[in-house]
Amino acid sequence: MDTNARSLTKTITWRLTGSGATFGISWLVSGDIAVAGSIAVIQIVANTVLYYVHERIWNTVKWGRS
């Protein structure tokens, strides 16, 4: 089972990757860096919380573990 610190580190690194992509796509679609930044910030907060909770729930599932 992952520790809380490991889950949090994985959460942060994944969010940086995903949010960079969201920012880039939002900027390409909107052409506005401020709009892209706003979308990316909202996405960072929402998805960070959701991913962390998801990881912690999956750590309680025994299916697929040796």
PDB file of N, CA and C in Angstrom:
ATOM      1  N   MET A   1       0.851  -1.180   0.000  1.00  0.00           N
ATOM      2  CA  MET A   1       0.000   0.000   0.000  1.00  0.00           C
ATOM      3  C   MET A   1       0.893   1.239   0.000  1.00  0.00           C
ATOM      4  N   ASP A   2       0.522   2.232  -0.808  1.00  0.00           N
ATOM      5  CA  ASP A   2       1.258   3.493  -0.851  1.00  0.00           C
ATOM      6  C   ASP A   2       1.040   4.279   0.434  1.00  0.00           C
ATOM      7  N   THR A   3       2.067   5.015   0.838  1.00  0.00           N
ATOM      8  CA  THR A   3       1.916   5.921   1.976  1.00  0.00           C
ATOM      9  C   THR A   3       1.155   7.166   1.514  1.00  0.00           C
ATOM     10  N   ASN A   4       0.678   7.939   2.470  1.00  0.00           N
ATOM     11  CA  ASN A   4       0.007   9.198   2.129  1.00  0.00           C
ATOM     12  C   ASN A   4       0.946  10.124   1.373  1.00  0.00           C
ATOM     13  N   ALA A   5       2.214  10.185   1.794  1.00  0.00           N
ATOM     14  CA  ALA A   5       3.191  11.059   1.140  1.00  0.00           C
ATOM     15  C   ALA A   5       3.409  10.647  -0.315  1.00  0.00           C
ATOM     16  N   ARG A   6       3.497   9.340  -0.575  1.00  0.00           N
ATOM     17  CA  ARG A   6       3.686   8.866  -1.949  1.00  0.00           C
ATOM     18  C   ARG A   6       2.471   9.213  -2.810  1.00  0.00           C
ATOM     19  N   SER A   7       1.282   8.986  -2.293  1.00  0.00           N
ATOM     20  CA  SER A   7       0.062   9.327  -3.032  1.00  0.00           C
ATOM     21  C   SER A   7       0.008  10.820  -3.326  1.00  0.00           C
ATOM     22  N   LEU A   8       0.397  11.641  -2.366  1.00  0.00           N
ATOM     23  CA  LEU A   8       0.381  13.083  -2.560  1.00  0.00           C
ATOM     24  C   LEU A   8       1.410  13.500  -3.616  1.00  0.00           C
ATOM     25  N   THR A   9       2.602  12.911  -3.579  1.00  0.00           N
ATOM     26  CA  THR A   9       3.627  13.222  -4.576  1.00  0.00           C
ATOM     27  C   THR A   9       3.177  12.821  -5.967  1.00  0.00           C
ATOM     28  N   LYS A  10       2.596  11.636  -6.101  1.00  0.00           N
ATOM     29  CA  LYS A  10       2.069  11.191  -7.392  1.00  0.00           C
ATOM     30  C   LYS A  10       0.972  12.135  -7.873  1.00  0.00           C
ATOM     31  N   THR A  11       0.134  12.572  -6.970  1.00  0.00           N
ATOM     32  CA  THR A  11      -0.944  13.492  -7.295  1.00  0.00           C
ATOM     33  C   THR A  11      -0.392  14.793  -7.870  1.00  0.00           C
ATOM     34  N   ILE A  12       0.597  15.356  -7.211  1.00  0.00           N
ATOM     35  CA  ILE A  12       1.159  16.640  -7.633  1.00  0.00           C
ATOM     36  C   ILE A  12       1.845  16.531  -8.989  1.00  0.00           C
ATOM     37  N   THR A  13       2.657  15.492  -9.185  1.00  0.00           N
ATOM     38  CA  THR A  13       3.363  15.365 -10.464  1.00  0.00           C
ATOM     39  C   THR A  13       2.394  15.100 -11.612  1.00  0.00           C
ATOM     40  N   TRP A  14       1.370  14.320 -11.372  1.00  0.00           N
ATOM     41  CA  TRP A  14       0.380  14.078 -12.416  1.00  0.00           C
ATOM     42  C   TRP A  14      -0.400  15.348 -12.733  1.00  0.00           C
ATOM     43  N   ARG A  15      -0.749  16.119 -11.720  1.00  0.00           N
ATOM     44  CA  ARG A  15      -1.487  17.355 -11.936  1.00  0.00           C
ATOM     45  C   ARG A  15      -0.669  18.341 -12.746  1.00  0.00           C
ATOM     46  N   LEU A  16       0.624  18.452 -12.473  1.00  0.00           N
ATOM     47  CA  LEU A  16       1.467  19.361 -13.246  1.00  0.00           C
ATOM     48  C   LEU A  16       1.456  18.975 -14.723  1.00  0.00           C
ATOM     49  N   THR A  17       1.536  17.688 -14.991  1.00  0.00           N
ATOM     50  CA  THR A  17       1.502  17.202 -16.370  1.00  0.00           C
ATOM     51  C   THR A  17       0.146  17.492 -17.020  1.00  0.00           C
ATOM     52  N   GLY A  18      -0.911  17.092 -16.355  1.00  0.00           N
ATOM     53  CA  GLY A  18      -2.260  17.276 -16.897  1.00  0.00           C
ATOM     54  C   GLY A  18      -2.650  18.735 -17.024  1.00  0.00           C
ATOM     55  N   SER A  19      -2.271  19.536 -16.061  1.00  0.00           N
ATOM     56  CA  SER A  19      -2.641  20.946 -16.094  1.00  0.00           C
ATOM     57  C   SER A  19      -1.865  21.702 -17.158  1.00  0.00           C
ATOM     58  N   GLY A  20      -0.629  21.296 -17.398  1.00  0.00           N
ATOM     59  CA  GLY A  20       0.127  21.899 -18.496  1.00  0.00           C
ATOM     60  C   GLY A  20      -0.559  21.644 -19.827  1.00  0.00           C
ATOM     61  N   ALA A  21      -1.037  20.421 -20.002  1.00  0.00           N
ATOM     62  CA  ALA A  21      -1.765  20.076 -21.225  1.00  0.00           C
ATOM     63  C   ALA A  21      -3.073  20.862 -21.314  1.00  0.00           C
ATOM     64  N   THR A  22      -3.800  20.957 -20.214  1.00  0.00           N
ATOM     65  CA  THR A  22      -5.054  21.717 -20.203  1.00  0.00           C
ATOM     66  C   THR A  22      -4.810  23.178 -20.545  1.00  0.00           C
ATOM     67  N   PHE A  23      -3.761  23.753 -19.962  1.00  0.00           N
ATOM     68  CA  PHE A  23      -3.434  25.147 -20.252  1.00  0.00           C
ATOM     69  C   PHE A  23      -3.134  25.331 -21.739  1.00  0.00           C
ATOM     70  N   GLY A  24      -2.300  24.459 -22.281  1.00  0.00           N
ATOM     71  CA  GLY A  24      -1.933  24.566 -23.691  1.00  0.00           C
ATOM     72  C   GLY A  24      -3.124  24.436 -24.625  1.00  0.00           C
ATOM     73  N   ILE A  25      -3.971  23.466 -24.359  1.00  0.00           N
ATOM     74  CA  ILE A  25      -5.158  23.265 -25.193  1.00  0.00           C
ATOM     75  C   ILE A  25      -6.121  24.450 -25.055  1.00  0.00           C
ATOM     76  N   SER A  26      -6.316  24.911 -23.826  1.00  0.00           N
ATOM     77  CA  SER A  26      -7.213  26.050 -23.595  1.00  0.00           C
ATOM     78  C   SER A  26      -6.708  27.297 -24.307  1.00  0.00           C
ATOM     79  N   TRP A  27      -5.418  27.501 -24.311  1.00  0.00           N
ATOM     80  CA  TRP A  27      -4.829  28.653 -24.973  1.00  0.00           C
ATOM     81  C   TRP A  27      -5.001  28.548 -26.486  1.00  0.00           C
ATOM     82  N   LEU A  28      -4.755  27.353 -27.024  1.00  0.00           N
ATOM     83  CA  LEU A  28      -4.942  27.156 -28.465  1.00  0.00           C
ATOM     84  C   LEU A  28      -6.392  27.389 -28.886  1.00  0.00           C
ATOM     85  N   VAL A  29      -7.325  26.889 -28.090  1.00  0.00           N
ATOM     86  CA  VAL A  29      -8.748  27.009 -28.439  1.00  0.00           C
ATOM     87  C   VAL A  29      -9.257  28.432 -28.249  1.00  0.00           C
ATOM     88  N   SER A  30      -8.892  29.051 -27.125  1.00  0.00           N
ATOM     89  CA  SER A  30      -9.444  30.374 -26.813  1.00  0.00           C
ATOM     90  C   SER A  30      -8.612  31.519 -27.381  1.00  0.00           C
ATOM     91  N   GLY A  31      -7.319  31.294 -27.550  1.00  0.00           N
ATOM     92  CA  GLY A  31      -6.439  32.366 -27.998  1.00  0.00           C
ATOM     93  C   GLY A  31      -6.181  33.414 -26.925  1.00  0.00           C
ATOM     94  N   ASP A  32      -6.629  33.140 -25.713  1.00  0.00           N
ATOM     95  CA  ASP A  32      -6.519  34.108 -24.613  1.00  0.00           C
ATOM     96  C   ASP A  32      -5.776  33.450 -23.449  1.00  0.00           C
ATOM     97  N   ILE A  33      -4.606  33.986 -23.123  1.00  0.00           N
ATOM     98  CA  ILE A  33      -3.784  33.391 -22.071  1.00  0.00           C
ATOM     99  C   ILE A  33      -4.448  33.501 -20.694  1.00  0.00           C
ATOM    100  N   ALA A  34      -5.202  34.560 -20.454  1.00  0.00           N
ATOM    101  CA  ALA A  34      -5.887  34.725 -19.158  1.00  0.00           C
ATOM    102  C   ALA A  34      -6.990  33.684 -19.000  1.00  0.00           C
ATOM    103  N   VAL A  35      -7.751  33.446 -20.041  1.00  0.00           N
ATOM    104  CA  VAL A  35      -8.802  32.417 -20.000  1.00  0.00           C
ATOM    105  C   VAL A  35      -8.161  31.051 -19.800  1.00  0.00           C
ATOM    106  N   ALA A  36      -7.092  30.783 -20.535  1.00  0.00           N
ATOM    107  CA  ALA A  36      -6.399  29.496 -20.405  1.00  0.00           C
ATOM    108  C   ALA A  36      -5.879  29.306 -18.992  1.00  0.00           C
ATOM    109  N   GLY A  37      -5.323  30.358 -18.407  1.00  0.00           N
ATOM    110  CA  GLY A  37      -4.824  30.278 -17.033  1.00  0.00           C
ATOM    111  C   GLY A  37      -5.936  30.016 -16.034  1.00  0.00           C
ATOM    112  N   SER A  38      -7.072  30.674 -16.227  1.00  0.00           N
ATOM    113  CA  SER A  38      -8.214  30.469 -15.326  1.00  0.00           C
ATOM    114  C   SER A  38      -8.717  29.031 -15.398  1.00  0.00           C
ATOM    115  N   ILE A  39      -8.838  28.517 -16.600  1.00  0.00           N
ATOM    116  CA  ILE A  39      -9.281  27.128 -16.773  1.00  0.00           C
ATOM    117  C   ILE A  39      -8.293  26.183 -16.116  1.00  0.00           C
ATOM    118  N   ALA A  40      -7.011  26.407 -16.318  1.00  0.00           N
ATOM    119  CA  ALA A  40      -5.986  25.532 -15.747  1.00  0.00           C
ATOM    120  C   ALA A  40      -6.012  25.554 -14.221  1.00  0.00           C
ATOM    121  N   VAL A  41      -6.194  26.724 -13.627  1.00  0.00           N
ATOM    122  CA  VAL A  41      -6.229  26.816 -12.155  1.00  0.00           C
ATOM    123  C   VAL A  41      -7.435  26.073 -11.589  1.00  0.00           C
ATOM    124  N   ILE A  42      -8.588  26.265 -12.185  1.00  0.00           N
ATOM    125  CA  ILE A  42      -9.789  25.557 -11.735  1.00  0.00           C
ATOM    126  C   ILE A  42      -9.588  24.047 -11.856  1.00  0.00           C
ATOM    127  N   GLN A  43      -9.019  23.639 -12.963  1.00  0.00           N
ATOM    128  CA  GLN A  43      -8.776  22.219 -13.214  1.00  0.00           C
ATOM    129  C   GLN A  43      -7.766  21.651 -12.216  1.00  0.00           C
ATOM    130  N   ILE A  44      -6.732  22.404 -11.886  1.00  0.00           N
ATOM    131  CA  ILE A  44      -5.724  21.942 -10.924  1.00  0.00           C
ATOM    132  C   ILE A  44      -6.378  21.622  -9.579  1.00  0.00           C
ATOM    133  N   VAL A  45      -7.148  22.536  -9.076  1.00  0.00           N
ATOM    134  CA  VAL A  45      -7.765  22.362  -7.755  1.00  0.00           C
ATOM    135  C   VAL A  45      -8.735  21.184  -7.753  1.00  0.00           C
ATOM    136  N   ALA A  46      -9.652  21.167  -8.695  1.00  0.00           N
ATOM    137  CA  ALA A  46     -10.671  20.110  -8.731  1.00  0.00           C
ATOM    138  C   ALA A  46     -10.040  18.728  -8.938  1.00  0.00           C
ATOM    139  N   ASN A  47      -9.173  18.609  -9.913  1.00  0.00           N
ATOM    140  CA  ASN A  47      -8.614  17.291 -10.214  1.00  0.00           C
ATOM    141  C   ASN A  47      -7.602  16.817  -9.192  1.00  0.00           C
ATOM    142  N   THR A  48      -6.907  17.715  -8.519  1.00  0.00           N
ATOM    143  CA  THR A  48      -5.984  17.301  -7.463  1.00  0.00           C
ATOM    144  C   THR A  48      -6.741  16.621  -6.332  1.00  0.00           C
ATOM    145  N   VAL A  49      -7.803  17.234  -5.910  1.00  0.00           N
ATOM    146  CA  VAL A  49      -8.609  16.652  -4.830  1.00  0.00           C
ATOM    147  C   VAL A  49      -9.212  15.315  -5.276  1.00  0.00           C
ATOM    148  N   LEU A  50      -9.783  15.287  -6.457  1.00  0.00           N
ATOM    149  CA  LEU A  50     -10.414  14.057  -6.950  1.00  0.00           C
ATOM    150  C   LEU A  50      -9.405  12.921  -7.122  1.00  0.00           C
ATOM    151  N   TYR A  51      -8.222  13.213  -7.650  1.00  0.00           N
ATOM    152  CA  TYR A  51      -7.216  12.175  -7.852  1.00  0.00           C
ATOM    153  C   TYR A  51      -6.728  11.613  -6.520  1.00  0.00           C
ATOM    154  N   TYR A  52      -6.467  12.469  -5.565  1.00  0.00           N
ATOM    155  CA  TYR A  52      -5.998  12.020  -4.253  1.00  0.00           C
ATOM    156  C   TYR A  52      -7.027  11.097  -3.601  1.00  0.00           C
ATOM    157  N   VAL A  53      -8.275  11.499  -3.606  1.00  0.00           N
ATOM    158  CA  VAL A  53      -9.345  10.660  -3.038  1.00  0.00           C
ATOM    159  C   VAL A  53      -9.423   9.332  -3.791  1.00  0.00           C
ATOM    160  N   HIS A  54      -9.352   9.371  -5.102  1.00  0.00           N
ATOM    161  CA  HIS A  54      -9.373   8.165  -5.934  1.00  0.00           C
ATOM    162  C   HIS A  54      -8.247   7.214  -5.550  1.00  0.00           C
ATOM    163  N   GLU A  55      -7.023   7.735  -5.403  1.00  0.00           N
ATOM    164  CA  GLU A  55      -5.872   6.917  -5.019  1.00  0.00           C
ATOM    165  C   GLU A  55      -6.079   6.270  -3.649  1.00  0.00           C
ATOM    166  N   ARG A  56      -6.563   7.031  -2.704  1.00  0.00           N
ATOM    167  CA  ARG A  56      -6.740   6.504  -1.349  1.00  0.00           C
ATOM    168  C   ARG A  56      -7.825   5.425  -1.333  1.00  0.00           C
ATOM    169  N   ILE A  57      -8.880   5.606  -2.090  1.00  0.00           N
ATOM    170  CA  ILE A  57      -9.920   4.577  -2.174  1.00  0.00           C
ATOM    171  C   ILE A  57      -9.349   3.311  -2.790  1.00  0.00           C
ATOM    172  N   TRP A  58      -8.616   3.431  -3.891  1.00  0.00           N
ATOM    173  CA  TRP A  58      -8.035   2.256  -4.539  1.00  0.00           C
ATOM    174  C   TRP A  58      -7.038   1.540  -3.633  1.00  0.00           C
ATOM    175  N   ASN A  59      -6.402   2.242  -2.718  1.00  0.00           N
ATOM    176  CA  ASN A  59      -5.492   1.574  -1.778  1.00  0.00           C
ATOM    177  C   ASN A  59      -6.231   0.651  -0.815  1.00  0.00           C
ATOM    178  N   THR A  60      -7.537   0.807  -0.700  1.00  0.00           N
ATOM    179  CA  THR A  60      -8.303  -0.080   0.171  1.00  0.00           C
ATOM    180  C   THR A  60      -8.851  -1.298  -0.589  1.00  0.00           C
ATOM    181  N   VAL A  61      -8.738  -1.294  -1.908  1.00  0.00           N
ATOM    182  CA  VAL A  61      -9.252  -2.389  -2.733  1.00  0.00           C
ATOM    183  C   VAL A  61      -8.188  -3.464  -2.845  1.00  0.00           C
ATOM    184  N   LYS A  62      -8.544  -4.685  -2.482  1.00  0.00           N
ATOM    185  CA  LYS A  62      -7.585  -5.795  -2.526  1.00  0.00           C
ATOM    186  C   LYS A  62      -7.497  -6.448  -3.897  1.00  0.00           C
ATOM    187  N   TRP A  63      -8.464  -6.240  -4.755  1.00  0.00           N
ATOM    188  CA  TRP A  63      -8.514  -6.869  -6.069  1.00  0.00           C
ATOM    189  C   TRP A  63      -7.250  -6.550  -6.874  1.00  0.00           C
ATOM    190  N   GLY A  64      -6.664  -7.567  -7.482  1.00  0.00           N
ATOM    191  CA  GLY A  64      -5.527  -7.392  -8.366  1.00  0.00           C
ATOM    192  C   GLY A  64      -4.178  -7.278  -7.687  1.00  0.00           C
ATOM    193  N   ARG A  65      -4.136  -7.446  -6.370  1.00  0.00           N
ATOM    194  CA  ARG A  65      -2.873  -7.399  -5.638  1.00  0.00           C
ATOM    195  C   ARG A  65      -2.403  -8.810  -5.335  1.00  0.00           C
ATOM    196  N   SER A  66      -1.106  -8.958  -5.283  1.00  0.00           N
ATOM    197  CA  SER A  66      -0.537 -10.280  -4.968  1.00  0.00           C
ATOM    198  C   SER A  66      -0.566 -10.534  -3.480  1.00  0.00           C
TER     199      SER A  66
END
